[in-house]
PDB file of N, CA and C in Angstrom:
ATOM      1  N   UNK A   1       1.925  16.638  46.426  1.00  0.00           N
ATOM      2  CA  UNK A   1       1.305  16.950  45.039  1.00  0.00           C
ATOM      3  C   UNK A   1       1.715  16.277  43.979  1.00  0.00           C
ATOM      4  N   UNK A   2       0.787  15.406  43.492  1.00  0.00           N
ATOM      5  CA  UNK A   2       1.237  14.479  42.312  1.00  0.00           C
ATOM      6  C   UNK A   2       1.528  15.121  41.029  1.00  0.00           C
ATOM      7  N   UNK A   3       2.528  14.673  40.189  1.00  0.00           N
ATOM      8  CA  UNK A   3       2.636  15.214  38.911  1.00  0.00           C
ATOM      9  C   UNK A   3       2.013  14.376  37.776  1.00  0.00           C
ATOM     10  N   UNK A   4       1.068  15.047  36.866  1.00  0.00           N
ATOM     11  CA  UNK A   4       0.693  14.726  35.627  1.00  0.00           C
ATOM     12  C   UNK A   4       1.604  14.462  34.796  1.00  0.00           C
ATOM     13  N   UNK A   5       1.328  13.331  33.861  1.00  0.00           N
ATOM     14  CA  UNK A   5       1.894  12.978  32.703  1.00  0.00           C
ATOM     15  C   UNK A   5       0.961  13.321  31.630  1.00  0.00           C
ATOM     16  N   UNK A   6       1.618  13.532  30.356  1.00  0.00           N
ATOM     17  CA  UNK A   6       0.732  13.889  29.326  1.00  0.00           C
ATOM     18  C   UNK A   6       0.483  12.307  28.728  1.00  0.00           C
ATOM     19  N   UNK A   7      -0.487  12.230  28.365  1.00  0.00           N
ATOM     20  CA  UNK A   7      -0.995  10.770  27.718  1.00  0.00           C
ATOM     21  C   UNK A   7      -0.524  10.939  26.226  1.00  0.00           C
ATOM     22  N   UNK A   8       0.226  10.043  25.798  1.00  0.00           N
ATOM     23  CA  UNK A   8       0.680  10.044  24.369  1.00  0.00           C
ATOM     24  C   UNK A   8      -0.406   9.192  23.501  1.00  0.00           C
ATOM     25  N   UNK A   9      -0.658   9.637  22.614  1.00  0.00           N
ATOM     26  CA  UNK A   9      -1.514   8.831  21.620  1.00  0.00           C
ATOM     27  C   UNK A   9      -0.535   7.743  20.892  1.00  0.00           C
ATOM     28  N   UNK A  10       0.410   8.173  20.435  1.00  0.00           N
ATOM     29  CA  UNK A  10       1.314   6.984  19.508  1.00  0.00           C
ATOM     30  C   UNK A  10       2.795   7.096  20.379  1.00  0.00           C
ATOM     31  N   UNK A  11       3.224   6.024  20.448  1.00  0.00           N
ATOM     32  CA  UNK A  11       4.865   5.962  20.720  1.00  0.00           C
ATOM     33  C   UNK A  11       5.439   5.712  19.609  1.00  0.00           C
ATOM     34  N   UNK A  12       6.518   6.622  19.862  1.00  0.00           N
ATOM     35  CA  UNK A  12       7.681   6.645  18.588  1.00  0.00           C
ATOM     36  C   UNK A  12       8.799   5.878  19.071  1.00  0.00           C
ATOM     37  N   UNK A  13       9.220   5.100  18.049  1.00  0.00           N
ATOM     38  CA  UNK A  13      10.436   4.218  18.046  1.00  0.00           C
ATOM     39  C   UNK A  13      11.761   4.495  17.241  1.00  0.00           C
ATOM     40  N   UNK A  14      12.647   4.519  17.612  1.00  0.00           N
ATOM     41  CA  UNK A  14      13.848   5.044  17.035  1.00  0.00           C
ATOM     42  C   UNK A  14      14.325   3.683  16.470  1.00  0.00           C
ATOM     43  N   UNK A  15      14.763   3.771  15.110  1.00  0.00           N
ATOM     44  CA  UNK A  15      15.189   2.664  14.337  1.00  0.00           C
ATOM     45  C   UNK A  15      15.829   2.989  13.404  1.00  0.00           C
ATOM     46  N   UNK A  16      17.125   2.405  13.303  1.00  0.00           N
ATOM     47  CA  UNK A  16      18.417   2.512  12.110  1.00  0.00           C
ATOM     48  C   UNK A  16      17.935   1.739  11.052  1.00  0.00           C
ATOM     49  N   UNK A  17      17.952   2.174   9.916  1.00  0.00           N
ATOM     50  CA  UNK A  17      17.586   1.333   8.665  1.00  0.00           C
ATOM     51  C   UNK A  17      18.614   1.667   7.739  1.00  0.00           C
ATOM     52  N   UNK A  18      18.900   0.934   6.542  1.00  0.00           N
ATOM     53  CA  UNK A  18      19.865   0.990   5.592  1.00  0.00           C
ATOM     54  C   UNK A  18      19.039   1.237   4.531  1.00  0.00           C
ATOM     55  N   UNK A  19      19.162   2.331   3.624  1.00  0.00           N
ATOM     56  CA  UNK A  19      18.334   2.515   2.476  1.00  0.00           C
ATOM     57  C   UNK A  19      19.284   2.959   1.196  1.00  0.00           C
ATOM     58  N   UNK A  20      19.012   2.162   0.143  1.00  0.00           N
ATOM     59  CA  UNK A  20      19.531   2.404  -1.079  1.00  0.00           C
ATOM     60  C   UNK A  20      19.673   3.695  -1.499  1.00  0.00           C
ATOM     61  N   UNK A  21      20.948   4.096  -1.998  1.00  0.00           N
ATOM     62  CA  UNK A  21      21.107   5.466  -2.532  1.00  0.00           C
ATOM     63  C   UNK A  21      20.168   5.867  -3.327  1.00  0.00           C
ATOM     64  N   UNK A  22      19.871   5.295  -4.487  1.00  0.00           N
ATOM     65  CA  UNK A  22      18.708   5.940  -5.258  1.00  0.00           C
ATOM     66  C   UNK A  22      17.518   6.414  -4.692  1.00  0.00           C
ATOM     67  N   UNK A  23      17.260   5.378  -3.604  1.00  0.00           N
ATOM     68  CA  UNK A  23      15.874   5.907  -2.947  1.00  0.00           C
ATOM     69  C   UNK A  23      15.998   6.960  -2.047  1.00  0.00           C
ATOM     70  N   UNK A  24      17.204   7.090  -1.367  1.00  0.00           N
ATOM     71  CA  UNK A  24      17.359   7.943  -0.303  1.00  0.00           C
ATOM     72  C   UNK A  24      17.553   9.352  -0.956  1.00  0.00           C
ATOM     73  N   UNK A  25      18.192   9.127  -2.159  1.00  0.00           N
ATOM     74  CA  UNK A  25      18.029  10.454  -2.997  1.00  0.00           C
ATOM     75  C   UNK A  25      16.489  11.047  -3.309  1.00  0.00           C
ATOM     76  N   UNK A  26      15.711   9.995  -3.685  1.00  0.00           N
ATOM     77  CA  UNK A  26      14.341  10.508  -3.809  1.00  0.00           C
ATOM     78  C   UNK A  26      13.511  11.065  -2.508  1.00  0.00           C
ATOM     79  N   UNK A  27      13.930  10.175  -1.398  1.00  0.00           N
ATOM     80  CA  UNK A  27      13.453  10.851  -0.170  1.00  0.00           C
ATOM     81  C   UNK A  27      14.023  12.008   0.273  1.00  0.00           C
ATOM     82  N   UNK A  28      15.287  12.390  -0.105  1.00  0.00           N
ATOM     83  CA  UNK A  28      15.787  13.699   0.070  1.00  0.00           C
ATOM     84  C   UNK A  28      14.853  14.933  -0.714  1.00  0.00           C
ATOM     85  N   UNK A  29      14.793  14.519  -1.886  1.00  0.00           N
ATOM     86  CA  UNK A  29      14.147  15.571  -2.701  1.00  0.00           C
ATOM     87  C   UNK A  29      12.799  15.661  -2.451  1.00  0.00           C
ATOM     88  N   UNK A  30      11.895  14.529  -1.922  1.00  0.00           N
ATOM     89  CA  UNK A  30      10.556  14.682  -1.449  1.00  0.00           C
ATOM     90  C   UNK A  30      10.629  15.699  -0.041  1.00  0.00           C
ATOM     91  N   UNK A  31      11.620  15.509   0.615  1.00  0.00           N
ATOM     92  CA  UNK A  31      11.433  16.210   2.027  1.00  0.00           C
ATOM     93  C   UNK A  31      11.756  17.669   1.675  1.00  0.00           C
ATOM     94  N   UNK A  32      12.662  17.872   0.472  1.00  0.00           N
ATOM     95  CA  UNK A  32      13.146  19.406   0.270  1.00  0.00           C
ATOM     96  C   UNK A  32      11.741  20.181  -0.247  1.00  0.00           C
ATOM     97  N   UNK A  33      11.088  19.412  -1.181  1.00  0.00           N
ATOM     98  CA  UNK A  33       9.972  19.694  -1.981  1.00  0.00           C
ATOM     99  C   UNK A  33       8.813  20.077  -0.919  1.00  0.00           C
ATOM    100  N   UNK A  34       8.583  19.282   0.255  1.00  0.00           N
ATOM    101  CA  UNK A  34       7.353  19.792   1.312  1.00  0.00           C
ATOM    102  C   UNK A  34       8.081  20.204   2.435  1.00  0.00           C
ATOM    103  N   UNK A  35       9.338  20.509   2.386  1.00  0.00           N
ATOM    104  CA  UNK A  35      10.015  21.276   3.656  1.00  0.00           C
ATOM    105  C   UNK A  35       9.785  20.670   5.027  1.00  0.00           C
ATOM    106  N   UNK A  36       9.991  19.270   4.981  1.00  0.00           N
ATOM    107  CA  UNK A  36      10.104  18.685   6.282  1.00  0.00           C
ATOM    108  C   UNK A  36      11.365  17.837   6.312  1.00  0.00           C
ATOM    109  N   UNK A  37      11.448  17.307   7.529  1.00  0.00           N
ATOM    110  CA  UNK A  37      12.605  16.851   7.935  1.00  0.00           C
ATOM    111  C   UNK A  37      12.833  15.224   6.978  1.00  0.00           C
ATOM    112  N   UNK A  38      13.928  14.727   6.789  1.00  0.00           N
ATOM    113  CA  UNK A  38      14.027  13.242   6.121  1.00  0.00           C
ATOM    114  C   UNK A  38      13.337  12.369   7.055  1.00  0.00           C
ATOM    115  N   UNK A  39      13.166  12.558   8.412  1.00  0.00           N
ATOM    116  CA  UNK A  39      12.658  11.649   9.147  1.00  0.00           C
ATOM    117  C   UNK A  39      11.045  11.690   8.908  1.00  0.00           C
ATOM    118  N   UNK A  40      10.584  12.953   8.715  1.00  0.00           N
ATOM    119  CA  UNK A  40       9.274  13.044   8.361  1.00  0.00           C
ATOM    120  C   UNK A  40       8.831  12.538   7.091  1.00  0.00           C
ATOM    121  N   UNK A  41       9.488  12.763   6.107  1.00  0.00           N
ATOM    122  CA  UNK A  41       9.318  12.195   4.691  1.00  0.00           C
ATOM    123  C   UNK A  41       9.483  10.863   4.780  1.00  0.00           C
ATOM    124  N   UNK A  42      10.434  10.196   5.398  1.00  0.00           N
ATOM    125  CA  UNK A  42      10.321   8.760   5.558  1.00  0.00           C
ATOM    126  C   UNK A  42       9.090   8.264   6.054  1.00  0.00           C
ATOM    127  N   UNK A  43       8.638   8.798   7.259  1.00  0.00           N
ATOM    128  CA  UNK A  43       7.527   8.385   7.990  1.00  0.00           C
ATOM    129  C   UNK A  43       6.176   8.318   7.037  1.00  0.00           C
ATOM    130  N   UNK A  44       6.274   9.685   6.249  1.00  0.00           N
ATOM    131  CA  UNK A  44       4.729   9.764   5.432  1.00  0.00           C
ATOM    132  C   UNK A  44       4.996   8.684   4.324  1.00  0.00           C
ATOM    133  N   UNK A  45       6.300   8.420   3.830  1.00  0.00           N
ATOM    134  CA  UNK A  45       6.381   7.335   2.681  1.00  0.00           C
ATOM    135  C   UNK A  45       6.017   6.141   3.220  1.00  0.00           C
ATOM    136  N   UNK A  46       6.541   5.730   4.316  1.00  0.00           N
ATOM    137  CA  UNK A  46       6.268   4.462   4.938  1.00  0.00           C
ATOM    138  C   UNK A  46       4.781   4.115   5.308  1.00  0.00           C
ATOM    139  N   UNK A  47       3.914   5.233   5.878  1.00  0.00           N
ATOM    140  CA  UNK A  47       2.574   5.144   5.837  1.00  0.00           C
ATOM    141  C   UNK A  47       1.678   4.965   4.661  1.00  0.00           C
ATOM    142  N   UNK A  48       2.368   5.829   3.768  1.00  0.00           N
ATOM    143  CA  UNK A  48       1.515   5.528   2.360  1.00  0.00           C
ATOM    144  C   UNK A  48       1.745   4.366   1.752  1.00  0.00           C
ATOM    145  N   UNK A  49       2.768   3.620   2.079  1.00  0.00           N
ATOM    146  CA  UNK A  49       3.397   2.196   1.578  1.00  0.00           C
ATOM    147  C   UNK A  49       2.199   1.074   2.438  1.00  0.00           C
ATOM    148  N   UNK A  50       2.139   1.344   3.485  1.00  0.00           N
ATOM    149  CA  UNK A  50       1.461   0.497   4.383  1.00  0.00           C
ATOM    150  C   UNK A  50      -0.006   0.446   3.967  1.00  0.00           C
ATOM    151  N   UNK A  51      -0.603   1.898   3.667  1.00  0.00           N
ATOM    152  CA  UNK A  51      -1.963   2.092   3.410  1.00  0.00           C
ATOM    153  C   UNK A  51      -2.169   1.279   1.913  1.00  0.00           C
ATOM    154  N   UNK A  52      -1.310   1.619   1.143  1.00  0.00           N
ATOM    155  CA  UNK A  52      -1.498   1.113  -0.167  1.00  0.00           C
ATOM    156  C   UNK A  52      -1.484  -0.464  -0.046  1.00  0.00           C
ATOM    157  N   UNK A  53      -0.842  -1.222   0.575  1.00  0.00           N
ATOM    158  CA  UNK A  53      -0.809  -2.543   0.575  1.00  0.00           C
ATOM    159  C   UNK A  53      -2.013  -3.191   1.274  1.00  0.00           C
ATOM    160  N   UNK A  54      -2.565  -2.298   2.324  1.00  0.00           N
ATOM    161  CA  UNK A  54      -3.850  -2.626   2.808  1.00  0.00           C
ATOM    162  C   UNK A  54      -5.108  -2.458   1.814  1.00  0.00           C
ATOM    163  N   UNK A  55      -4.948  -1.326   1.095  1.00  0.00           N
ATOM    164  CA  UNK A  55      -5.882  -1.329  -0.088  1.00  0.00           C
ATOM    165  C   UNK A  55      -5.783  -2.353  -1.046  1.00  0.00           C
ATOM    166  N   UNK A  56      -4.518  -2.741  -1.549  1.00  0.00           N
ATOM    167  CA  UNK A  56      -4.377  -3.865  -2.460  1.00  0.00           C
ATOM    168  C   UNK A  56      -5.009  -5.096  -1.876  1.00  0.00           C
ATOM    169  N   UNK A  57      -4.680  -5.488  -0.536  1.00  0.00           N
ATOM    170  CA  UNK A  57      -5.207  -6.611   0.051  1.00  0.00           C
ATOM    171  C   UNK A  57      -6.750  -6.785   0.065  1.00  0.00           C
ATOM    172  N   UNK A  58      -7.462  -5.420   0.464  1.00  0.00           N
ATOM    173  CA  UNK A  58      -8.925  -5.230   0.389  1.00  0.00           C
ATOM    174  C   UNK A  58      -9.479  -5.763  -1.087  1.00  0.00           C
ATOM    175  N   UNK A  59      -8.722  -5.192  -2.014  1.00  0.00           N
ATOM    176  CA  UNK A  59      -9.335  -5.223  -3.395  1.00  0.00           C
ATOM    177  C   UNK A  59      -9.145  -6.658  -3.599  1.00  0.00           C
ATOM    178  N   UNK A  60      -8.242  -7.273  -3.540  1.00  0.00           N
ATOM    179  CA  UNK A  60      -7.970  -8.563  -3.837  1.00  0.00           C
ATOM    180  C   UNK A  60      -9.194  -9.593  -3.048  1.00  0.00           C
ATOM    181  N   UNK A  61      -9.293  -9.234  -1.760  1.00  0.00           N
ATOM    182  CA  UNK A  61     -10.327  -9.940  -1.172  1.00  0.00           C
ATOM    183  C   UNK A  61     -11.907  -9.736  -1.783  1.00  0.00           C
ATOM    184  N   UNK A  62     -11.878  -8.538  -2.373  1.00  0.00           N
ATOM    185  CA  UNK A  62     -13.303  -8.166  -2.866  1.00  0.00           C
ATOM    186  C   UNK A  62     -13.446  -8.727  -4.032  1.00  0.00           C
ATOM    187  N   UNK A  63     -12.371  -9.008  -5.265  1.00  0.00           N
ATOM    188  CA  UNK A  63     -12.213  -9.590  -6.283  1.00  0.00           C
ATOM    189  C   UNK A  63     -12.609 -10.947  -6.212  1.00  0.00           C
ATOM    190  N   UNK A  64     -11.767 -11.592  -5.405  1.00  0.00           N
ATOM    191  CA  UNK A  64     -12.010 -12.844  -4.985  1.00  0.00           C
ATOM    192  C   UNK A  64     -13.463 -13.314  -4.334  1.00  0.00           C
ATOM    193  N   UNK A  65     -14.058 -12.465  -3.451  1.00  0.00           N
ATOM    194  CA  UNK A  65     -15.478 -12.602  -3.145  1.00  0.00           C
ATOM    195  C   UNK A  65     -16.396 -12.571  -4.268  1.00  0.00           C
ATOM    196  N   UNK A  66     -16.262 -11.558  -5.203  1.00  0.00           N
ATOM    197  CA  UNK A  66     -17.286 -11.477  -6.086  1.00  0.00           C
ATOM    198  C   UNK A  66     -17.104 -12.607  -7.241  1.00  0.00           C
ATOM    199  N   UNK A  67     -15.826 -13.206  -7.534  1.00  0.00           N
ATOM    200  CA  UNK A  67     -15.720 -14.195  -8.360  1.00  0.00           C
ATOM    201  C   UNK A  67     -16.296 -15.621  -7.750  1.00  0.00           C
ATOM    202  N   UNK A  68     -16.188 -15.841  -6.330  1.00  0.00           N
ATOM    203  CA  UNK A  68     -16.883 -16.813  -6.005  1.00  0.00           C
ATOM    204  C   UNK A  68     -18.250 -16.683  -5.925  1.00  0.00           C
ATOM    205  N   UNK A  69     -18.799 -15.593  -5.637  1.00  0.00           N
ATOM    206  CA  UNK A  69     -20.358 -15.395  -5.530  1.00  0.00           C
ATOM    207  C   UNK A  69     -21.168 -15.522  -6.931  1.00  0.00           C
ATOM    208  N   UNK A  70     -20.199 -15.264  -7.955  1.00  0.00           N
ATOM    209  CA  UNK A  70     -20.948 -14.889  -9.244  1.00  0.00           C
ATOM    210  C   UNK A  70     -21.235 -16.280  -9.702  1.00  0.00           C
ATOM    211  N   UNK A  71     -22.754 -16.363 -10.257  1.00  0.00           N
ATOM    212  CA  UNK A  71     -22.950 -17.589 -10.983  1.00  0.00           C
ATOM    213  C   UNK A  71     -23.419 -17.601 -12.518  1.00  0.00           C
ATOM    214  N   UNK A  72     -23.267 -16.401 -12.895  1.00  0.00           N
ATOM    215  CA  UNK A  72     -23.541 -16.227 -14.592  1.00  0.00           C
ATOM    216  C   UNK A  72     -22.169 -16.232 -14.994  1.00  0.00           C
ATOM    217  N   UNK A  73     -22.335 -17.301 -15.980  1.00  0.00           N
ATOM    218  CA  UNK A  73     -20.799 -17.420 -16.846  1.00  0.00           C
ATOM    219  C   UNK A  73     -20.068 -16.351 -17.340  1.00  0.00           C
ATOM    220  N   UNK A  74     -21.074 -15.202 -17.979  1.00  0.00           N
ATOM    221  CA  UNK A  74     -20.379 -14.229 -18.448  1.00  0.00           C
ATOM    222  C   UNK A  74     -19.817 -13.260 -17.571  1.00  0.00           C
ATOM    223  N   UNK A  75     -20.546 -12.996 -16.428  1.00  0.00           N
ATOM    224  CA  UNK A  75     -20.145 -12.227 -15.067  1.00  0.00           C
ATOM    225  C   UNK A  75     -18.963 -12.937 -14.509  1.00  0.00           C
ATOM    226  N   UNK A  76     -19.040 -14.205 -14.444  1.00  0.00           N
ATOM    227  CA  UNK A  76     -18.151 -15.019 -13.863  1.00  0.00           C
ATOM    228  C   UNK A  76     -16.815 -14.616 -14.485  1.00  0.00           C
ATOM    229  N   UNK A  77     -16.991 -14.604 -15.705  1.00  0.00           N
ATOM    230  CA  UNK A  77     -15.544 -14.409 -16.734  1.00  0.00           C
ATOM    231  C   UNK A  77     -15.096 -13.151 -16.256  1.00  0.00           C
ATOM    232  N   UNK A  78     -16.048 -11.990 -16.314  1.00  0.00           N
ATOM    233  CA  UNK A  78     -15.197 -10.796 -16.101  1.00  0.00           C
ATOM    234  C   UNK A  78     -14.816 -10.567 -14.555  1.00  0.00           C
ATOM    235  N   UNK A  79     -15.327 -11.209 -13.746  1.00  0.00           N
ATOM    236  CA  UNK A  79     -14.893 -11.296 -12.294  1.00  0.00           C
ATOM    237  C   UNK A  79     -13.779 -11.978 -12.210  1.00  0.00           C
ATOM    238  N   UNK A  80     -13.730 -12.944 -13.025  1.00  0.00           N
ATOM    239  CA  UNK A  80     -12.123 -13.614 -12.995  1.00  0.00           C
ATOM    240  C   UNK A  80     -11.128 -12.734 -13.620  1.00  0.00           C
ATOM    241  N   UNK A  81     -11.319 -12.080 -14.509  1.00  0.00           N
ATOM    242  CA  UNK A  81     -10.614 -11.240 -14.896  1.00  0.00           C
ATOM    243  C   UNK A  81     -10.260  -9.893 -14.319  1.00  0.00           C
ATOM    244  N   UNK A  82     -11.078  -9.586 -13.445  1.00  0.00           N
ATOM    245  CA  UNK A  82     -10.767  -8.522 -12.295  1.00  0.00           C
ATOM    246  C   UNK A  82      -9.966  -9.251 -11.184  1.00  0.00           C
ATOM    247  N   UNK A  83     -10.150 -10.488 -10.963  1.00  0.00           N
ATOM    248  CA  UNK A  83      -9.282 -11.229  -9.842  1.00  0.00           C
ATOM    249  C   UNK A  83      -7.865 -11.481 -10.491  1.00  0.00           C
ATOM    250  N   UNK A  84      -7.758 -11.703 -11.491  1.00  0.00           N
ATOM    251  CA  UNK A  84      -6.365 -11.805 -12.220  1.00  0.00           C
ATOM    252  C   UNK A  84      -5.610 -10.534 -12.260  1.00  0.00           C
ATOM    253  N   UNK A  85      -6.298  -9.476 -12.605  1.00  0.00           N
ATOM    254  CA  UNK A  85      -5.730  -8.098 -12.389  1.00  0.00           C
ATOM    255  C   UNK A  85      -5.131  -7.945 -11.078  1.00  0.00           C
ATOM    256  N   UNK A  86      -6.158  -8.014  -9.979  1.00  0.00           N
ATOM    257  CA  UNK A  86      -5.634  -8.042  -8.680  1.00  0.00           C
ATOM    258  C   UNK A  86      -4.549  -8.708  -8.452  1.00  0.00           C
ATOM    259  N   UNK A  87      -4.403 -10.101  -8.876  1.00  0.00           N
ATOM    260  CA  UNK A  87      -3.345 -10.437  -8.085  1.00  0.00           C
ATOM    261  C   UNK A  87      -2.001 -10.217  -9.280  1.00  0.00           C
ATOM    262  N   UNK A  88      -2.242 -10.118 -10.577  1.00  0.00           N
ATOM    263  CA  UNK A  88      -0.801  -9.949 -11.253  1.00  0.00           C
ATOM    264  C   UNK A  88      -0.667  -8.422 -11.935  1.00  0.00           C
ATOM    265  N   UNK A  89      -1.444  -7.482 -11.691  1.00  0.00           N
ATOM    266  CA  UNK A  89      -1.358  -6.200 -12.169  1.00  0.00           C
ATOM    267  C   UNK A  89      -2.470  -5.899 -13.257  1.00  0.00           C
ATOM    268  N   UNK A  90      -2.674  -4.761 -13.369  1.00  0.00           N
ATOM    269  CA  UNK A  90      -3.580  -4.263 -14.595  1.00  0.00           C
ATOM    270  C   UNK A  90      -3.452  -4.671 -16.009  1.00  0.00           C
ATOM    271  N   UNK A  91      -2.057  -4.875 -16.284  1.00  0.00           N
ATOM    272  CA  UNK A  91      -2.137  -5.313 -17.518  1.00  0.00           C
ATOM    273  C   UNK A  91      -1.862  -6.975 -17.796  1.00  0.00           C
ATOM    274  N   UNK A  92      -2.098  -7.783 -16.962  1.00  0.00           N
ATOM    275  CA  UNK A  92      -1.929  -9.159 -16.957  1.00  0.00           C
ATOM    276  C   UNK A  92      -2.987  -9.869 -17.952  1.00  0.00           C
ATOM    277  N   UNK A  93      -4.156  -9.303 -17.986  1.00  0.00           N
ATOM    278  CA  UNK A  93      -5.293  -9.662 -18.980  1.00  0.00           C
ATOM    279  C   UNK A  93      -4.789  -9.505 -20.286  1.00  0.00           C
ATOM    280  N   UNK A  94      -4.206  -8.245 -20.501  1.00  0.00           N
ATOM    281  CA  UNK A  94      -4.012  -7.917 -21.928  1.00  0.00           C
ATOM    282  C   UNK A  94      -2.624  -8.666 -22.190  1.00  0.00           C
ATOM    283  N   UNK A  95      -1.780  -9.104 -21.419  1.00  0.00           N
ATOM    284  CA  UNK A  95      -0.511  -9.712 -21.498  1.00  0.00           C
ATOM    285  C   UNK A  95      -0.717 -11.034 -22.022  1.00  0.00           C
ATOM    286  N   UNK A  96      -2.062 -11.573 -22.025  1.00  0.00           N
ATOM    287  CA  UNK A  96      -2.252 -13.070 -22.442  1.00  0.00           C
ATOM    288  C   UNK A  96      -2.450 -14.117 -21.247  1.00  0.00           C
ATOM    289  N   UNK A  97      -2.473 -13.666 -20.143  1.00  0.00           N
ATOM    290  CA  UNK A  97      -2.467 -14.500 -19.013  1.00  0.00           C
ATOM    291  C   UNK A  97      -3.898 -15.346 -18.679  1.00  0.00           C
ATOM    292  N   UNK A  98      -4.825 -14.695 -19.391  1.00  0.00           N
ATOM    293  CA  UNK A  98      -6.186 -15.433 -19.282  1.00  0.00           C
ATOM    294  C   UNK A  98      -6.346 -16.191 -20.892  1.00  0.00           C
ATOM    295  N   UNK A  99      -6.645 -17.330 -20.584  1.00  0.00           N
ATOM    296  CA  UNK A  99      -6.845 -18.215 -21.754  1.00  0.00           C
ATOM    297  C   UNK A  99      -8.394 -18.228 -21.941  1.00  0.00           C
TER     298      UNK A  99
END
């Protein structure tokens, strides 16, 4: 009789990392608030960070595409400001980075 193995949807990897003490205190606080283990809290925060980076990259690409495609000077200026905000942050235009 053949034994059947469960098909895993994701593979977990055990990894050792060094985390700065102030950050670890925040992770510990988050784990207690959500009543989860430290490992689960770290995974949740890492996943959120990866998603945020992907969204920022997509936003940058969309801003760039809009800037390149725009032909109207006034709209191109607005698209350029949006592109600058996507690159340097939301306060970049107000800080005088745009001439």
